[in-house]
């Protein structure tokens, strides 16, 4: 499955504080939405819009497997599984989004190896 991470520093702390309290999550959606909106520049409209809507509506299904990781500290990120993006609920209507996400621009540096620099002077 495709996965990608979205830098949502403003929302990570809220998600961590509501872990295990799905019934409380709707109360925090405005703050979460703000954090995800802030990630829009880094991720591009094509990724942030479905991510925001998926997170906004995910509590209507089991959370297990939908948000696979929330990290705190220097690397605040939510890693969404392809499954979470393929299927999410919008009210009573199931919506599907592309699991294939474009490369995130939140980390502009790319991994390089010695082979990448062969012949560089």
N, C-alpha and C. Protein backbone atom coordinates (compact mmCIF):
# COMPACT_ATOMS: atom_id res chain seq x y z
N UNK A 1 0.82 -1.19 0.00
CA UNK A 1 0.00 0.00 0.00
C UNK A 1 0.86 1.25 0.00
N UNK A 2 0.38 2.27 -0.64
CA UNK A 2 1.10 3.53 -0.65
C UNK A 2 0.96 4.22 0.70
N UNK A 3 2.03 4.83 1.14
CA UNK A 3 1.96 5.62 2.36
C UNK A 3 2.65 6.95 2.11
N UNK A 4 2.25 7.94 2.85
CA UNK A 4 2.97 9.19 2.82
C UNK A 4 2.76 9.90 4.14
N UNK A 5 3.65 10.81 4.45
CA UNK A 5 3.57 11.54 5.70
C UNK A 5 3.25 13.00 5.42
N UNK A 6 2.49 13.58 6.30
CA UNK A 6 2.14 14.98 6.20
C UNK A 6 2.63 15.66 7.47
N UNK A 7 3.36 16.73 7.32
CA UNK A 7 3.85 17.48 8.47
C UNK A 7 2.69 18.28 9.04
N UNK A 8 2.23 17.89 10.20
CA UNK A 8 1.11 18.58 10.83
C UNK A 8 1.47 18.87 12.28
N UNK A 9 2.47 19.68 12.46
CA UNK A 9 2.96 19.99 13.80
C UNK A 9 1.86 20.51 14.71
N UNK A 10 1.00 21.35 14.18
CA UNK A 10 -0.04 21.95 15.01
C UNK A 10 -1.07 20.92 15.44
N UNK A 11 -1.24 19.86 14.67
CA UNK A 11 -2.27 18.87 14.99
C UNK A 11 -1.73 17.66 15.72
N UNK A 12 -0.43 17.39 15.63
CA UNK A 12 0.13 16.17 16.22
C UNK A 12 -0.12 16.11 17.72
N UNK A 13 0.09 17.22 18.40
CA UNK A 13 -0.10 17.22 19.86
C UNK A 13 -1.56 16.94 20.21
N UNK A 14 -2.48 17.51 19.45
CA UNK A 14 -3.89 17.28 19.70
C UNK A 14 -4.24 15.82 19.47
N UNK A 15 -3.73 15.24 18.39
CA UNK A 15 -4.00 13.83 18.13
C UNK A 15 -3.44 12.96 19.24
N UNK A 16 -2.24 13.27 19.69
CA UNK A 16 -1.65 12.48 20.77
C UNK A 16 -2.49 12.60 22.03
N UNK A 17 -3.00 13.80 22.31
CA UNK A 17 -3.76 14.00 23.53
C UNK A 17 -5.13 13.34 23.47
N UNK A 18 -5.62 13.07 22.26
CA UNK A 18 -6.94 12.44 22.13
C UNK A 18 -6.82 10.97 21.78
N UNK A 19 -5.62 10.42 21.81
CA UNK A 19 -5.45 9.01 21.47
C UNK A 19 -6.31 8.15 22.38
N UNK A 20 -7.04 7.24 21.80
CA UNK A 20 -7.91 6.36 22.55
C UNK A 20 -9.23 6.99 22.93
N UNK A 21 -9.48 8.22 22.51
CA UNK A 21 -10.72 8.91 22.86
C UNK A 21 -11.40 9.36 21.57
N UNK A 22 -11.80 8.42 20.74
CA UNK A 22 -12.38 8.76 19.45
C UNK A 22 -13.63 9.62 19.60
N UNK A 23 -14.39 9.39 20.66
CA UNK A 23 -15.61 10.18 20.83
C UNK A 23 -15.30 11.66 21.07
N UNK A 24 -14.09 11.97 21.53
CA UNK A 24 -13.70 13.36 21.77
C UNK A 24 -13.11 14.03 20.54
N UNK A 25 -12.74 13.24 19.53
CA UNK A 25 -12.03 13.80 18.38
C UNK A 25 -12.82 14.88 17.65
N UNK A 26 -14.14 14.74 17.44
CA UNK A 26 -14.87 15.80 16.72
C UNK A 26 -14.72 17.18 17.35
N UNK A 27 -14.54 17.23 18.67
CA UNK A 27 -14.38 18.51 19.35
C UNK A 27 -13.09 19.21 18.93
N UNK A 28 -12.13 18.43 18.45
CA UNK A 28 -10.82 18.99 18.11
C UNK A 28 -10.63 19.19 16.61
N UNK A 29 -11.68 18.96 15.84
CA UNK A 29 -11.52 19.00 14.38
C UNK A 29 -11.09 20.35 13.87
N UNK A 30 -11.58 21.41 14.48
CA UNK A 30 -11.19 22.74 14.00
C UNK A 30 -9.69 22.94 14.13
N UNK A 31 -9.14 22.55 15.27
CA UNK A 31 -7.69 22.66 15.47
C UNK A 31 -6.93 21.74 14.52
N UNK A 32 -7.44 20.52 14.34
CA UNK A 32 -6.79 19.59 13.43
C UNK A 32 -6.84 20.11 12.00
N UNK A 33 -8.00 20.64 11.63
CA UNK A 33 -8.15 21.18 10.28
C UNK A 33 -7.18 22.32 10.04
N UNK A 34 -7.00 23.17 11.05
CA UNK A 34 -6.05 24.28 10.93
C UNK A 34 -4.64 23.75 10.73
N UNK A 35 -4.25 22.74 11.50
CA UNK A 35 -2.92 22.17 11.35
C UNK A 35 -2.73 21.56 9.98
N UNK A 36 -3.74 20.88 9.48
CA UNK A 36 -3.64 20.27 8.17
C UNK A 36 -3.67 21.31 7.07
N UNK A 37 -4.44 22.37 7.25
CA UNK A 37 -4.44 23.46 6.28
C UNK A 37 -3.05 24.07 6.18
N UNK A 38 -2.37 24.17 7.33
CA UNK A 38 -1.02 24.70 7.33
C UNK A 38 -0.06 23.81 6.56
N UNK A 39 -0.38 22.52 6.46
CA UNK A 39 0.46 21.59 5.72
C UNK A 39 0.20 21.65 4.23
N UNK A 40 -0.82 22.39 3.83
CA UNK A 40 -1.22 22.41 2.42
C UNK A 40 -0.10 22.89 1.51
N UNK A 41 0.63 23.90 1.92
CA UNK A 41 1.71 24.42 1.09
C UNK A 41 2.77 23.36 0.84
N UNK A 42 3.10 22.62 1.88
CA UNK A 42 4.14 21.60 1.74
C UNK A 42 3.67 20.41 0.91
N UNK A 43 2.39 20.11 0.96
CA UNK A 43 1.92 18.87 0.34
C UNK A 43 1.22 19.08 -0.99
N UNK A 44 0.74 20.27 -1.25
CA UNK A 44 0.02 20.51 -2.49
C UNK A 44 -1.47 20.24 -2.33
N UNK A 45 -2.28 20.94 -3.07
CA UNK A 45 -3.72 20.82 -2.95
C UNK A 45 -4.21 19.40 -3.16
N UNK A 46 -3.61 18.67 -4.09
CA UNK A 46 -4.08 17.34 -4.42
C UNK A 46 -3.96 16.35 -3.28
N UNK A 47 -3.06 16.61 -2.34
CA UNK A 47 -2.90 15.72 -1.21
C UNK A 47 -3.63 16.24 0.01
N UNK A 48 -3.50 17.53 0.30
CA UNK A 48 -4.04 18.04 1.55
C UNK A 48 -5.56 17.97 1.61
N UNK A 49 -6.24 18.24 0.51
CA UNK A 49 -7.71 18.22 0.56
C UNK A 49 -8.25 16.85 0.95
N UNK A 50 -7.83 15.76 0.28
CA UNK A 50 -8.35 14.46 0.72
C UNK A 50 -7.86 14.06 2.11
N UNK A 51 -6.66 14.48 2.47
CA UNK A 51 -6.17 14.15 3.80
C UNK A 51 -7.02 14.85 4.86
N UNK A 52 -7.31 16.12 4.66
CA UNK A 52 -8.14 16.85 5.62
C UNK A 52 -9.50 16.19 5.73
N UNK A 53 -10.11 15.89 4.61
CA UNK A 53 -11.44 15.30 4.66
C UNK A 53 -11.41 13.90 5.25
N UNK A 54 -10.37 13.13 4.92
CA UNK A 54 -10.26 11.79 5.48
C UNK A 54 -10.13 11.84 6.99
N UNK A 55 -9.29 12.73 7.49
CA UNK A 55 -9.10 12.84 8.93
C UNK A 55 -10.36 13.37 9.60
N UNK A 56 -11.03 14.30 8.93
CA UNK A 56 -12.25 14.87 9.49
C UNK A 56 -13.34 13.83 9.65
N UNK A 57 -13.36 12.83 8.79
CA UNK A 57 -14.44 11.86 8.78
C UNK A 57 -14.05 10.46 9.26
N UNK A 58 -12.78 10.24 9.60
CA UNK A 58 -12.32 8.89 9.86
C UNK A 58 -12.93 8.26 11.10
N UNK A 59 -13.41 9.03 12.06
CA UNK A 59 -13.90 8.42 13.28
C UNK A 59 -15.18 7.63 13.08
N UNK A 60 -15.85 7.76 11.93
CA UNK A 60 -17.05 6.97 11.67
C UNK A 60 -16.71 5.52 11.39
N UNK A 61 -15.45 5.24 11.12
CA UNK A 61 -14.99 3.86 10.96
C UNK A 61 -13.99 3.57 12.07
N UNK A 62 -13.54 2.33 12.13
CA UNK A 62 -12.51 1.97 13.09
C UNK A 62 -11.25 2.76 12.79
N UNK A 63 -10.65 3.33 13.82
CA UNK A 63 -9.43 4.11 13.62
C UNK A 63 -8.23 3.23 13.35
N UNK A 64 -8.32 1.97 13.73
CA UNK A 64 -7.18 1.07 13.56
C UNK A 64 -6.83 0.94 12.09
N UNK A 65 -5.59 1.22 11.75
CA UNK A 65 -5.13 1.11 10.38
C UNK A 65 -5.35 2.37 9.56
N UNK A 66 -6.05 3.33 10.11
CA UNK A 66 -6.29 4.55 9.34
C UNK A 66 -5.22 5.60 9.62
N UNK A 67 -4.91 5.82 10.87
CA UNK A 67 -3.75 6.64 11.19
C UNK A 67 -2.75 5.70 11.83
N UNK A 68 -1.70 5.39 11.10
CA UNK A 68 -0.78 4.36 11.56
C UNK A 68 0.30 4.89 12.49
N UNK A 69 0.53 6.18 12.48
CA UNK A 69 1.60 6.71 13.33
C UNK A 69 1.40 8.19 13.58
N UNK A 70 1.51 8.61 14.81
CA UNK A 70 1.59 10.02 15.14
C UNK A 70 2.84 10.18 15.98
N UNK A 71 3.77 10.97 15.51
CA UNK A 71 5.01 11.15 16.24
C UNK A 71 5.07 12.56 16.79
N UNK A 72 5.76 12.71 17.89
CA UNK A 72 5.92 14.02 18.50
C UNK A 72 7.39 14.36 18.52
N UNK A 73 7.70 15.60 18.82
CA UNK A 73 9.09 16.03 18.89
C UNK A 73 9.48 16.74 17.61
N UNK A 74 10.70 16.47 17.16
CA UNK A 74 11.23 17.21 16.01
C UNK A 74 10.55 16.82 14.71
N UNK A 75 9.90 15.67 14.68
CA UNK A 75 9.30 15.18 13.45
C UNK A 75 7.83 14.90 13.66
N UNK A 76 7.02 15.95 13.73
CA UNK A 76 5.58 15.77 13.90
C UNK A 76 4.98 15.39 12.56
N UNK A 77 4.47 14.18 12.48
CA UNK A 77 3.91 13.72 11.22
C UNK A 77 2.83 12.69 11.47
N UNK A 78 1.88 12.64 10.57
CA UNK A 78 0.90 11.57 10.56
C UNK A 78 1.16 10.78 9.30
N UNK A 79 1.32 9.48 9.44
CA UNK A 79 1.52 8.64 8.28
C UNK A 79 0.21 7.93 7.98
N UNK A 80 -0.34 8.22 6.81
CA UNK A 80 -1.60 7.62 6.41
C UNK A 80 -1.33 6.41 5.54
N UNK A 81 -2.07 5.33 5.76
CA UNK A 81 -1.94 4.17 4.89
C UNK A 81 -2.76 4.41 3.64
N UNK A 82 -2.42 3.69 2.59
CA UNK A 82 -3.21 3.78 1.37
C UNK A 82 -4.67 3.45 1.62
N UNK A 83 -4.91 2.48 2.51
CA UNK A 83 -6.29 2.08 2.81
C UNK A 83 -7.09 3.25 3.36
N UNK A 84 -6.46 4.04 4.22
CA UNK A 84 -7.17 5.17 4.80
C UNK A 84 -7.56 6.19 3.73
N UNK A 85 -6.73 6.30 2.70
CA UNK A 85 -7.03 7.26 1.65
C UNK A 85 -7.95 6.67 0.58
N UNK A 86 -7.94 5.37 0.44
CA UNK A 86 -8.80 4.74 -0.56
C UNK A 86 -10.26 4.79 -0.14
N UNK A 87 -10.50 4.61 1.16
CA UNK A 87 -11.87 4.55 1.65
C UNK A 87 -12.02 5.39 2.90
N UNK A 88 -12.91 6.33 2.87
CA UNK A 88 -13.27 7.07 4.06
C UNK A 88 -14.71 7.50 3.92
N UNK A 89 -15.29 7.87 5.03
CA UNK A 89 -16.70 8.19 5.03
C UNK A 89 -16.90 9.69 5.02
N UNK A 90 -17.92 10.11 4.25
CA UNK A 90 -18.33 11.51 4.22
C UNK A 90 -19.81 11.50 4.55
N UNK A 91 -20.14 11.69 5.82
CA UNK A 91 -21.52 11.52 6.25
C UNK A 91 -21.89 10.06 6.13
N UNK A 92 -22.94 9.76 5.37
CA UNK A 92 -23.36 8.38 5.17
C UNK A 92 -22.83 7.81 3.85
N UNK A 93 -22.15 8.62 3.09
CA UNK A 93 -21.70 8.19 1.77
C UNK A 93 -20.22 7.85 1.78
N UNK A 94 -19.88 6.62 1.38
CA UNK A 94 -18.46 6.23 1.34
C UNK A 94 -17.80 6.89 0.14
N UNK A 95 -16.66 7.48 0.38
CA UNK A 95 -15.91 8.16 -0.68
C UNK A 95 -14.60 7.41 -0.90
N UNK A 96 -14.10 7.48 -2.09
CA UNK A 96 -12.80 6.86 -2.38
C UNK A 96 -11.87 7.93 -2.94
N UNK A 97 -10.63 7.86 -2.56
CA UNK A 97 -9.61 8.77 -3.09
C UNK A 97 -8.43 7.95 -3.56
N UNK A 98 -7.62 8.55 -4.39
CA UNK A 98 -6.44 7.87 -4.90
C UNK A 98 -5.47 7.57 -3.76
N UNK A 99 -5.01 6.34 -3.69
CA UNK A 99 -4.00 5.99 -2.69
C UNK A 99 -2.62 6.44 -3.14
N UNK A 100 -2.49 6.63 -4.43
CA UNK A 100 -1.20 7.07 -4.94
C UNK A 100 -1.05 8.56 -4.70
N UNK A 101 -0.20 8.92 -3.79
CA UNK A 101 0.03 10.33 -3.47
C UNK A 101 1.30 10.79 -4.16
N UNK A 102 1.29 12.02 -4.65
CA UNK A 102 2.54 12.54 -5.20
C UNK A 102 3.58 12.66 -4.11
N UNK A 103 4.84 12.69 -4.46
CA UNK A 103 5.88 12.81 -3.43
C UNK A 103 5.63 14.04 -2.58
N UNK A 104 5.78 13.86 -1.28
CA UNK A 104 5.57 14.99 -0.39
C UNK A 104 6.69 16.00 -0.54
N UNK A 105 6.34 17.26 -0.45
CA UNK A 105 7.35 18.31 -0.54
C UNK A 105 7.72 18.82 0.84
N UNK A 106 7.25 18.14 1.89
CA UNK A 106 7.56 18.59 3.24
C UNK A 106 9.01 18.33 3.60
N UNK A 107 9.66 17.41 2.89
CA UNK A 107 11.08 17.15 3.11
C UNK A 107 11.77 17.26 1.75
N UNK A 108 12.20 18.46 1.39
CA UNK A 108 12.75 18.66 0.05
C UNK A 108 14.06 17.92 -0.20
N UNK A 109 14.76 17.57 0.86
CA UNK A 109 16.02 16.85 0.65
C UNK A 109 15.71 15.41 0.27
N UNK A 110 16.49 14.89 -0.64
CA UNK A 110 16.30 13.50 -1.04
C UNK A 110 17.49 12.70 -0.58
N UNK A 111 17.25 11.41 -0.42
CA UNK A 111 18.36 10.55 -0.03
C UNK A 111 19.34 10.45 -1.19
N UNK A 112 20.60 10.50 -0.89
CA UNK A 112 21.60 10.32 -1.93
C UNK A 112 22.58 9.25 -1.48
N UNK A 113 23.13 8.60 -2.44
CA UNK A 113 24.12 7.58 -2.14
C UNK A 113 25.41 7.96 -2.85
N UNK A 114 26.46 7.25 -2.54
CA UNK A 114 27.74 7.51 -3.20
C UNK A 114 27.59 7.32 -4.71
N UNK A 115 26.75 6.37 -5.09
CA UNK A 115 26.56 6.12 -6.52
C UNK A 115 25.96 7.32 -7.22
N UNK A 116 25.16 8.09 -6.49
CA UNK A 116 24.54 9.28 -7.08
C UNK A 116 25.58 10.33 -7.48
N UNK A 117 26.72 10.28 -6.81
CA UNK A 117 27.73 11.32 -7.02
C UNK A 117 28.94 10.82 -7.80
N UNK A 118 28.83 9.64 -8.35
CA UNK A 118 29.95 9.09 -9.11
C UNK A 118 30.26 10.01 -10.28
N UNK A 119 31.49 10.39 -10.40
CA UNK A 119 31.90 11.27 -11.49
C UNK A 119 31.79 12.75 -11.16
N UNK A 120 31.20 13.09 -10.01
CA UNK A 120 31.12 14.52 -9.63
C UNK A 120 32.51 15.01 -9.25
N UNK A 121 32.83 16.22 -9.65
CA UNK A 121 34.15 16.75 -9.32
C UNK A 121 34.04 17.76 -8.21
